Amino acid sequence: MTSLFGQIDVAGTDGDGKYTLVLGLVAALGFVMRRWIVGGACAALGAGICVYDMIRLNNRISDLDDELLVASIGFGLYVAVAGGVVAVLAAVVGRSRL
């Protein structure tokens, strides 16, 4: 967020970012161990949390409506959603090849 007084950044691990990080690590471990359902479920849950955050943040940003304040979602949320979707697809493909 950029304002007349400078820029404010929020770290990705603030709030529920810690949960999505843990879910991503569990998903990766599930894929390494060929536990496709565990990996896919964790990836889907993590991506779902990220989509929820994106919707919530977009609503809050649209409520600001201030000329002196510019706010936007960083690329990290988009990357996390894309990674979750790719991981779910990988789980489906991995499960079908058994």
Protein backbone atom coordinates (compact mmCIF):
# COMPACT_ATOMS: atom_id res chain seq x y z
CA MET A 1 0.00 0.00 0.00
CA THR A 2 1.38 3.37 -0.96
CA SER A 3 0.27 6.59 0.65
CA LEU A 4 1.41 10.17 0.91
CA PHE A 5 3.59 9.09 3.86
CA GLY A 6 5.35 6.15 2.17
CA GLN A 7 4.86 2.50 1.36
CA ILE A 8 3.56 -0.24 3.66
CA ASP A 9 4.24 -3.91 2.87
CA VAL A 10 2.73 -6.91 4.64
CA ALA A 11 4.73 -10.14 4.81
CA GLY A 12 3.18 -13.26 3.34
CA THR A 13 3.53 -15.13 6.62
CA ASP A 14 1.46 -12.58 8.53
CA GLY A 15 -1.99 -13.82 9.43
CA ASP A 16 -2.91 -17.15 7.88
CA GLY A 17 0.18 -17.23 5.64
CA LYS A 18 1.79 -19.54 8.19
CA TYR A 19 -1.00 -22.07 7.62
CA THR A 20 -0.65 -21.98 3.86
CA LEU A 21 3.11 -22.44 4.21
CA VAL A 22 2.63 -25.53 6.41
CA LEU A 23 -0.01 -26.89 4.02
CA GLY A 24 2.40 -26.41 1.12
CA LEU A 25 5.16 -28.27 2.94
CA VAL A 26 2.81 -31.13 3.86
CA ALA A 27 1.62 -31.28 0.24
CA ALA A 28 5.21 -31.48 -0.99
CA LEU A 29 5.98 -34.22 1.51
CA GLY A 30 2.85 -36.09 0.39
CA PHE A 31 3.99 -35.95 -3.22
CA VAL A 32 7.48 -37.15 -2.34
CA MET A 33 5.95 -40.09 -0.46
CA ARG A 34 3.50 -40.70 -3.34
CA ARG A 35 0.51 -39.97 -1.13
CA TRP A 36 -1.38 -38.19 -3.89
CA ILE A 37 -4.60 -37.63 -1.96
CA VAL A 38 -2.80 -36.04 1.00
CA GLY A 39 -0.74 -33.81 -1.30
CA GLY A 40 -3.72 -32.80 -3.39
CA ALA A 41 -5.96 -32.13 -0.40
CA CYS A 42 -3.35 -29.95 1.32
CA ALA A 43 -2.67 -28.08 -1.92
CA ALA A 44 -6.39 -27.50 -2.51
CA LEU A 45 -6.89 -26.27 1.04
CA GLY A 46 -3.91 -23.92 0.78
CA ALA A 47 -5.09 -22.54 -2.55
CA GLY A 48 -8.59 -22.11 -1.12
CA ILE A 49 -7.25 -20.05 1.77
CA CYS A 50 -5.33 -17.88 -0.70
CA VAL A 51 -8.40 -17.34 -2.89
CA TYR A 52 -10.41 -16.39 0.21
CA ASP A 53 -7.70 -13.89 1.16
CA MET A 54 -7.67 -12.43 -2.36
CA ILE A 55 -11.44 -11.92 -2.33
CA ARG A 56 -11.36 -10.41 1.16
CA LEU A 57 -8.47 -8.07 0.29
CA ASN A 58 -10.07 -6.97 -2.99
CA ASN A 59 -13.23 -6.05 -1.05
CA ARG A 60 -11.23 -4.05 1.48
CA ILE A 61 -9.23 -2.32 -1.25
CA SER A 62 -12.39 -1.33 -3.12
CA ASP A 63 -13.82 0.10 0.11
CA LEU A 64 -10.83 2.46 0.50
CA ASP A 65 -11.70 4.68 -2.46
CA ASP A 66 -9.10 7.29 -1.56
CA GLU A 67 -7.06 9.35 -3.98
CA LEU A 68 -4.12 9.61 -1.58
CA LEU A 69 -3.90 5.87 -0.96
CA VAL A 70 -3.10 3.16 -3.49
CA ALA A 71 -3.39 -0.48 -2.39
CA SER A 72 -2.97 -3.71 -4.33
CA ILE A 73 -2.42 -7.41 -3.81
CA GLY A 74 1.18 -8.52 -4.23
CA PHE A 75 2.25 -11.24 -6.61
CA GLY A 76 2.78 -13.75 -3.78
CA LEU A 77 -0.90 -14.59 -3.45
CA TYR A 78 -1.20 -15.16 -7.19
CA VAL A 79 1.84 -17.44 -7.15
CA ALA A 80 0.44 -19.39 -4.18
CA VAL A 81 -2.91 -19.94 -5.92
CA ALA A 82 -1.21 -21.00 -9.16
CA GLY A 83 1.05 -23.38 -7.26
CA GLY A 84 -1.91 -24.89 -5.46
CA VAL A 85 -3.79 -25.45 -8.71
CA VAL A 86 -0.75 -27.04 -10.35
CA ALA A 87 -0.25 -29.28 -7.31
CA VAL A 88 -3.88 -30.43 -7.37
CA LEU A 89 -3.55 -31.26 -11.07
CA ALA A 90 -0.32 -33.13 -10.33
CA ALA A 91 -2.15 -35.12 -7.64
CA VAL A 92 -4.91 -36.06 -10.07
CA VAL A 93 -2.41 -37.13 -12.75
CA GLY A 94 -0.24 -38.98 -10.22
CA ARG A 95 -3.23 -40.80 -8.80
CA SER A 96 -4.48 -41.84 -12.24
CA ARG A 97 -1.11 -43.35 -13.20
CA LEU A 98 -1.15 -45.89 -10.38
